[in-house]
Amino acid sequence: MARSKRNKIVSLTKTDAKGKDLKKKLVEVLRSAVDEYKGLYVLNFENMRAAKFREIRMDWKESKIFMGKNSIAQIALGRNPEEEYKDNLRHISKKLEGSVGLLFTNRKKDEVLKYFKNYAAADFAKAGAIPTEEIVLQPGVLDFPVTMLDTLRKLGMVVEVDDGTVVLRSPITISSVGVPLTPEQAKILVKLDTRTIDFKVKVEASWENGKFKEY
């Protein structure tokens, strides 16, 4: 007879009563989602953007997306054959590291894979981002307010005000491949309306009816 994997007693580590109750509730919510939805997917987020993430939630509003507290999710799903809530969920737990989330859905697997394979949203790079292209501004009129002169000069830009407009007098490299962006550079790229990164979501693995698959 197959052993039951429900109602497992799991350790939530030492914590105060309130924190322990919250963790226990989260475990119950995740296990309830496993029972409610036929498919479970591990999503890996690259260049996470909150606004874009909200758009994805709206596209999948009949499903459930969980992100955060990877360690609690691992407890809920189980980390080994003895703990796992259902067969092979331990393999999903092993994928829960870094900027990842769980998608619980009743949509067909082909639809899930196609959606995220084709999903990409361009956005502005933040300070500290590593550029993959070189951006050079050539001399000429810049579409910046005069109030930004100090910021532009901090970047080493030779700028002047000519008849109420900002004019660049010599070429300047705004971003270099492999060199982290400074806060000033990131601000300039926004003003230039130059989106240099893509928010992407990759399906790392799936689980359905006890079957685990890695992508």
Foldseek 3Di string as FASTA:
>chain_A
DDDAQPPDDFDPDDDDPVVVVVLVVVLVVLLVLVVVFQKKFKKAKDPDDPVVVVVVCVVQVVKDKFWDPLVSNCQSQDQDPNNGNFAPSNVVSVVSDDGMMMIGHRDDPVVVQVVQVPDKDFDFDAFFDAFQDKDKDAWFWDPDAPVCPVLCVVQVFDWDADPRTITTDGMDILHDGGDTHHRSSSVVCVSVVHGGDMIGMHTQWMAGPNDIDGD
